[in-house]
Amino acid sequence: VPGKRNVIYYNCCPEPYIDITFVVIIRRRTLYYFFNLIVPCVLIASMAVLGFTLPPDSGEKLSL
């Protein structure tokens, strides 16, 4: 991450005001979010819907 040093002098004060500016570039990985967030949510939601399609007299329903 490259940084840039800035020095600013104001009319009211003799001392310089120094700041450092950093530029941070962040790139989002969409495939990572898809497999770790979207796919599990869809699977759990489909299991919940399929649990209601089982007949009530069957032994066990789907559970996590």
PDB file of N, CA and C in Angstrom:
ATOM      1  N   VAL A   1       0.864  -1.169   0.000  1.00  0.00           N
ATOM      2  CA  VAL A   1       0.000   0.000   0.000  1.00  0.00           C
ATOM      3  C   VAL A   1       0.907   1.227   0.000  1.00  0.00           C
ATOM      4  N   PRO A   2       0.902   1.973  -1.078  1.00  0.00           N
ATOM      5  CA  PRO A   2       1.743   3.174  -1.117  1.00  0.00           C
ATOM      6  C   PRO A   2       1.123   4.303  -0.304  1.00  0.00           C
ATOM      7  N   GLY A   3       1.992   5.062   0.338  1.00  0.00           N
ATOM      8  CA  GLY A   3       1.537   6.210   1.112  1.00  0.00           C
ATOM      9  C   GLY A   3       2.102   7.497   0.541  1.00  0.00           C
ATOM     10  N   LYS A   4       1.396   8.603   0.775  1.00  0.00           N
ATOM     11  CA  LYS A   4       1.838   9.899   0.284  1.00  0.00           C
ATOM     12  C   LYS A   4       1.843  10.872   1.457  1.00  0.00           C
ATOM     13  N   ARG A   5       2.945  11.551   1.652  1.00  0.00           N
ATOM     14  CA  ARG A   5       3.088  12.510   2.747  1.00  0.00           C
ATOM     15  C   ARG A   5       2.717  13.895   2.235  1.00  0.00           C
ATOM     16  N   ASN A   6       1.794  14.556   2.943  1.00  0.00           N
ATOM     17  CA  ASN A   6       1.342  15.890   2.578  1.00  0.00           C
ATOM     18  C   ASN A   6       1.716  16.862   3.685  1.00  0.00           C
ATOM     19  N   VAL A   7       2.269  18.012   3.299  1.00  0.00           N
ATOM     20  CA  VAL A   7       2.617  19.071   4.250  1.00  0.00           C
ATOM     21  C   VAL A   7       1.821  20.312   3.869  1.00  0.00           C
ATOM     22  N   ILE A   8       1.063  20.844   4.846  1.00  0.00           N
ATOM     23  CA  ILE A   8       0.236  22.027   4.601  1.00  0.00           C
ATOM     24  C   ILE A   8       0.637  23.113   5.592  1.00  0.00           C
ATOM     25  N   TYR A   9       0.873  24.323   5.074  1.00  0.00           N
ATOM     26  CA  TYR A   9       1.161  25.491   5.910  1.00  0.00           C
ATOM     27  C   TYR A   9      -0.055  26.410   5.891  1.00  0.00           C
ATOM     28  N   TYR A  10      -0.516  26.800   7.076  1.00  0.00           N
ATOM     29  CA  TYR A  10      -1.636  27.734   7.183  1.00  0.00           C
ATOM     30  C   TYR A  10      -1.110  29.115   7.560  1.00  0.00           C
ATOM     31  N   ASN A  11      -1.864  30.166   7.214  1.00  0.00           N
ATOM     32  CA  ASN A  11      -1.437  31.540   7.494  1.00  0.00           C
ATOM     33  C   ASN A  11      -1.410  31.845   8.990  1.00  0.00           C
ATOM     34  N   CYS A  12      -2.243  31.166   9.751  1.00  0.00           N
ATOM     35  CA  CYS A  12      -2.354  31.487  11.173  1.00  0.00           C
ATOM     36  C   CYS A  12      -1.226  30.907  12.009  1.00  0.00           C
ATOM     37  N   CYS A  13      -0.626  29.827  11.591  1.00  0.00           N
ATOM     38  CA  CYS A  13       0.337  29.103  12.424  1.00  0.00           C
ATOM     39  C   CYS A  13       1.637  28.878  11.651  1.00  0.00           C
ATOM     40  N   PRO A  14       2.774  29.041  12.321  1.00  0.00           N
ATOM     41  CA  PRO A  14       4.051  28.870  11.615  1.00  0.00           C
ATOM     42  C   PRO A  14       4.443  27.410  11.392  1.00  0.00           C
ATOM     43  N   GLU A  15       3.949  26.507  12.217  1.00  0.00           N
ATOM     44  CA  GLU A  15       4.375  25.114  12.078  1.00  0.00           C
ATOM     45  C   GLU A  15       3.582  24.413  10.965  1.00  0.00           C
ATOM     46  N   PRO A  16       4.209  23.465  10.316  1.00  0.00           N
ATOM     47  CA  PRO A  16       3.514  22.745   9.234  1.00  0.00           C
ATOM     48  C   PRO A  16       2.579  21.674   9.808  1.00  0.00           C
ATOM     49  N   TYR A  17       1.519  21.395   9.076  1.00  0.00           N
ATOM     50  CA  TYR A  17       0.616  20.300   9.416  1.00  0.00           C
ATOM     51  C   TYR A  17       0.877  19.171   8.426  1.00  0.00           C
ATOM     52  N   ILE A  18       1.268  18.045   8.973  1.00  0.00           N
ATOM     53  CA  ILE A  18       1.682  16.912   8.142  1.00  0.00           C
ATOM     54  C   ILE A  18       0.651  15.796   8.281  1.00  0.00           C
ATOM     55  N   ASP A  19       0.255  15.246   7.169  1.00  0.00           N
ATOM     56  CA  ASP A  19      -0.584  14.050   7.189  1.00  0.00           C
ATOM     57  C   ASP A  19      -0.078  13.071   6.137  1.00  0.00           C
ATOM     58  N   ILE A  20      -0.447  11.827   6.323  1.00  0.00           N
ATOM     59  CA  ILE A  20      -0.060  10.767   5.401  1.00  0.00           C
ATOM     60  C   ILE A  20      -1.340  10.161   4.845  1.00  0.00           C
ATOM     61  N   THR A  21      -1.416  10.073   3.528  1.00  0.00           N
ATOM     62  CA  THR A  21      -2.590   9.529   2.855  1.00  0.00           C
ATOM     63  C   THR A  21      -2.235   8.173   2.266  1.00  0.00           C
ATOM     64  N   PHE A  22      -3.026   7.164   2.628  1.00  0.00           N
ATOM     65  CA  PHE A  22      -2.857   5.822   2.086  1.00  0.00           C
ATOM     66  C   PHE A  22      -4.023   5.516   1.161  1.00  0.00           C
ATOM     67  N   VAL A  23      -3.736   4.885   0.044  1.00  0.00           N
ATOM     68  CA  VAL A  23      -4.773   4.449  -0.890  1.00  0.00           C
ATOM     69  C   VAL A  23      -4.849   2.931  -0.794  1.00  0.00           C
ATOM     70  N   VAL A  24      -6.011   2.433  -0.360  1.00  0.00           N
ATOM     71  CA  VAL A  24      -6.223   0.996  -0.203  1.00  0.00           C
ATOM     72  C   VAL A  24      -7.227   0.550  -1.258  1.00  0.00           C
ATOM     73  N   ILE A  25      -6.843  -0.431  -2.049  1.00  0.00           N
ATOM     74  CA  ILE A  25      -7.718  -0.973  -3.086  1.00  0.00           C
ATOM     75  C   ILE A  25      -8.167  -2.358  -2.629  1.00  0.00           C
ATOM     76  N   ILE A  26      -9.483  -2.529  -2.490  1.00  0.00           N
ATOM     77  CA  ILE A  26     -10.059  -3.788  -2.037  1.00  0.00           C
ATOM     78  C   ILE A  26     -10.889  -4.370  -3.172  1.00  0.00           C
ATOM     79  N   ARG A  27     -10.663  -5.631  -3.457  1.00  0.00           N
ATOM     80  CA  ARG A  27     -11.420  -6.307  -4.505  1.00  0.00           C
ATOM     81  C   ARG A  27     -12.269  -7.407  -3.878  1.00  0.00           C
ATOM     82  N   ARG A  28     -13.532  -7.433  -4.209  1.00  0.00           N
ATOM     83  CA  ARG A  28     -14.448  -8.416  -3.643  1.00  0.00           C
ATOM     84  C   ARG A  28     -14.407  -9.695  -4.463  1.00  0.00           C
ATOM     85  N   ARG A  29     -14.354 -10.821  -3.749  1.00  0.00           N
ATOM     86  CA  ARG A  29     -14.358 -12.126  -4.407  1.00  0.00           C
ATOM     87  C   ARG A  29     -15.778 -12.674  -4.370  1.00  0.00           C
ATOM     88  N   THR A  30     -16.498 -12.537  -5.479  1.00  0.00           N
ATOM     89  CA  THR A  30     -17.914 -12.891  -5.503  1.00  0.00           C
ATOM     90  C   THR A  30     -18.138 -14.395  -5.439  1.00  0.00           C
ATOM     91  N   LEU A  31     -17.248 -15.182  -6.007  1.00  0.00           N
ATOM     92  CA  LEU A  31     -17.419 -16.630  -5.969  1.00  0.00           C
ATOM     93  C   LEU A  31     -17.305 -17.149  -4.540  1.00  0.00           C
ATOM     94  N   TYR A  32     -16.460 -16.541  -3.730  1.00  0.00           N
ATOM     95  CA  TYR A  32     -16.306 -16.908  -2.321  1.00  0.00           C
ATOM     96  C   TYR A  32     -17.621 -16.701  -1.578  1.00  0.00           C
ATOM     97  N   TYR A  33     -18.271 -15.546  -1.773  1.00  0.00           N
ATOM     98  CA  TYR A  33     -19.542 -15.273  -1.114  1.00  0.00           C
ATOM     99  C   TYR A  33     -20.632 -16.213  -1.609  1.00  0.00           C
ATOM    100  N   PHE A  34     -20.592 -16.557  -2.869  1.00  0.00           N
ATOM    101  CA  PHE A  34     -21.614 -17.438  -3.432  1.00  0.00           C
ATOM    102  C   PHE A  34     -21.575 -18.803  -2.758  1.00  0.00           C
ATOM    103  N   PHE A  35     -20.400 -19.402  -2.642  1.00  0.00           N
ATOM    104  CA  PHE A  35     -20.309 -20.748  -2.081  1.00  0.00           C
ATOM    105  C   PHE A  35     -20.403 -20.769  -0.562  1.00  0.00           C
ATOM    106  N   ASN A  36     -20.035 -19.721   0.118  1.00  0.00           N
ATOM    107  CA  ASN A  36     -20.063 -19.726   1.577  1.00  0.00           C
ATOM    108  C   ASN A  36     -21.290 -19.075   2.179  1.00  0.00           C
ATOM    109  N   LEU A  37     -22.086 -18.375   1.405  1.00  0.00           N
ATOM    110  CA  LEU A  37     -23.269 -17.715   1.950  1.00  0.00           C
ATOM    111  C   LEU A  37     -24.542 -18.109   1.208  1.00  0.00           C
ATOM    112  N   ILE A  38     -24.548 -18.004  -0.094  1.00  0.00           N
ATOM    113  CA  ILE A  38     -25.763 -18.226  -0.875  1.00  0.00           C
ATOM    114  C   ILE A  38     -26.130 -19.707  -0.938  1.00  0.00           C
ATOM    115  N   VAL A  39     -25.179 -20.562  -1.248  1.00  0.00           N
ATOM    116  CA  VAL A  39     -25.471 -21.991  -1.404  1.00  0.00           C
ATOM    117  C   VAL A  39     -25.992 -22.613  -0.105  1.00  0.00           C
ATOM    118  N   PRO A  40     -25.371 -22.387   1.068  1.00  0.00           N
ATOM    119  CA  PRO A  40     -25.947 -22.965   2.290  1.00  0.00           C
ATOM    120  C   PRO A  40     -27.346 -22.443   2.610  1.00  0.00           C
ATOM    121  N   CYS A  41     -27.606 -21.171   2.360  1.00  0.00           N
ATOM    122  CA  CYS A  41     -28.948 -20.622   2.616  1.00  0.00           C
ATOM    123  C   CYS A  41     -29.988 -21.276   1.722  1.00  0.00           C
ATOM    124  N   VAL A  42     -29.655 -21.480   0.465  1.00  0.00           N
ATOM    125  CA  VAL A  42     -30.596 -22.121  -0.459  1.00  0.00           C
ATOM    126  C   VAL A  42     -30.832 -23.576  -0.056  1.00  0.00           C
ATOM    127  N   LEU A  43     -29.788 -24.281   0.350  1.00  0.00           N
ATOM    128  CA  LEU A  43     -29.956 -25.678   0.756  1.00  0.00           C
ATOM    129  C   LEU A  43     -30.814 -25.798   2.011  1.00  0.00           C
ATOM    130  N   ILE A  44     -30.583 -24.958   2.996  1.00  0.00           N
ATOM    131  CA  ILE A  44     -31.380 -25.011   4.228  1.00  0.00           C
ATOM    132  C   ILE A  44     -32.829 -24.638   3.946  1.00  0.00           C
ATOM    133  N   ALA A  45     -33.048 -23.631   3.108  1.00  0.00           N
ATOM    134  CA  ALA A  45     -34.422 -23.242   2.772  1.00  0.00           C
ATOM    135  C   ALA A  45     -35.135 -24.355   2.014  1.00  0.00           C
ATOM    136  N   SER A  46     -34.444 -25.024   1.104  1.00  0.00           N
ATOM    137  CA  SER A  46     -35.091 -26.113   0.362  1.00  0.00           C
ATOM    138  C   SER A  46     -35.373 -27.302   1.275  1.00  0.00           C
ATOM    139  N   MET A  47     -34.509 -27.589   2.254  1.00  0.00           N
ATOM    140  CA  MET A  47     -34.785 -28.662   3.205  1.00  0.00           C
ATOM    141  C   MET A  47     -35.992 -28.328   4.069  1.00  0.00           C
ATOM    142  N   ALA A  48     -36.154 -27.067   4.438  1.00  0.00           N
ATOM    143  CA  ALA A  48     -37.313 -26.667   5.237  1.00  0.00           C
ATOM    144  C   ALA A  48     -38.597 -26.827   4.439  1.00  0.00           C
ATOM    145  N   VAL A  49     -38.577 -26.456   3.166  1.00  0.00           N
ATOM    146  CA  VAL A  49     -39.771 -26.599   2.325  1.00  0.00           C
ATOM    147  C   VAL A  49     -40.073 -28.073   2.082  1.00  0.00           C
ATOM    148  N   LEU A  50     -39.054 -28.871   1.831  1.00  0.00           N
ATOM    149  CA  LEU A  50     -39.276 -30.301   1.593  1.00  0.00           C
ATOM    150  C   LEU A  50     -39.769 -31.012   2.849  1.00  0.00           C
ATOM    151  N   GLY A  51     -39.450 -30.510   4.022  1.00  0.00           N
ATOM    152  CA  GLY A  51     -39.951 -31.103   5.258  1.00  0.00           C
ATOM    153  C   GLY A  51     -41.453 -31.008   5.373  1.00  0.00           C
ATOM    154  N   PHE A  52     -42.048 -29.976   4.806  1.00  0.00           N
ATOM    155  CA  PHE A  52     -43.498 -29.830   4.838  1.00  0.00           C
ATOM    156  C   PHE A  52     -44.198 -30.720   3.811  1.00  0.00           C
ATOM    157  N   THR A  53     -43.466 -31.213   2.832  1.00  0.00           N
ATOM    158  CA  THR A  53     -44.088 -32.075   1.823  1.00  0.00           C
ATOM    159  C   THR A  53     -44.196 -33.525   2.284  1.00  0.00           C
ATOM    160  N   LEU A  54     -43.511 -33.898   3.355  1.00  0.00           N
ATOM    161  CA  LEU A  54     -43.619 -35.266   3.859  1.00  0.00           C
ATOM    162  C   LEU A  54     -44.998 -35.484   4.470  1.00  0.00           C
ATOM    163  N   PRO A  55     -45.548 -36.660   4.323  1.00  0.00           N
ATOM    164  CA  PRO A  55     -46.855 -36.915   4.931  1.00  0.00           C
ATOM    165  C   PRO A  55     -46.741 -36.920   6.461  1.00  0.00           C
ATOM    166  N   PRO A  56     -47.775 -36.478   7.155  1.00  0.00           N
ATOM    167  CA  PRO A  56     -47.695 -36.379   8.616  1.00  0.00           C
ATOM    168  C   PRO A  56     -47.581 -37.723   9.322  1.00  0.00           C
ATOM    169  N   ASP A  57     -48.004 -38.800   8.700  1.00  0.00           N
ATOM    170  CA  ASP A  57     -47.938 -40.096   9.375  1.00  0.00           C
ATOM    171  C   ASP A  57     -46.592 -40.797   9.181  1.00  0.00           C
ATOM    172  N   SER A  58     -45.663 -40.174   8.471  1.00  0.00           N
ATOM    173  CA  SER A  58     -44.337 -40.786   8.314  1.00  0.00           C
ATOM    174  C   SER A  58     -43.573 -40.661   9.630  1.00  0.00           C
ATOM    175  N   GLY A  59     -42.586 -41.512   9.806  1.00  0.00           N
ATOM    176  CA  GLY A  59     -41.883 -41.600  11.082  1.00  0.00           C
ATOM    177  C   GLY A  59     -41.124 -40.348  11.464  1.00  0.00           C
ATOM    178  N   GLU A  60     -40.089 -40.032  10.734  1.00  0.00           N
ATOM    179  CA  GLU A  60     -39.263 -38.879  11.076  1.00  0.00           C
ATOM    180  C   GLU A  60     -39.271 -37.891   9.935  1.00  0.00           C
ATOM    181  N   LYS A  61     -39.168 -36.633  10.305  1.00  0.00           N
ATOM    182  CA  LYS A  61     -39.057 -35.582   9.298  1.00  0.00           C
ATOM    183  C   LYS A  61     -37.585 -35.199   9.158  1.00  0.00           C
ATOM    184  N   LEU A  62     -37.286 -34.347   8.213  1.00  0.00           N
ATOM    185  CA  LEU A  62     -35.918 -33.880   8.034  1.00  0.00           C
ATOM    186  C   LEU A  62     -35.514 -33.024   9.210  1.00  0.00           C
ATOM    187  N   SER A  63     -34.311 -33.195   9.676  1.00  0.00           N
ATOM    188  CA  SER A  63     -33.799 -32.341  10.754  1.00  0.00           C
ATOM    189  C   SER A  63     -32.328 -32.087  10.499  1.00  0.00           C
ATOM    190  N   LEU A  64     -31.824 -31.021  11.090  1.00  0.00           N
ATOM    191  CA  LEU A  64     -30.414 -30.674  10.908  1.00  0.00           C
ATOM    192  C   LEU A  64     -29.569 -31.307  11.959  1.00  0.00           C
TER     193      LEU A  64
END
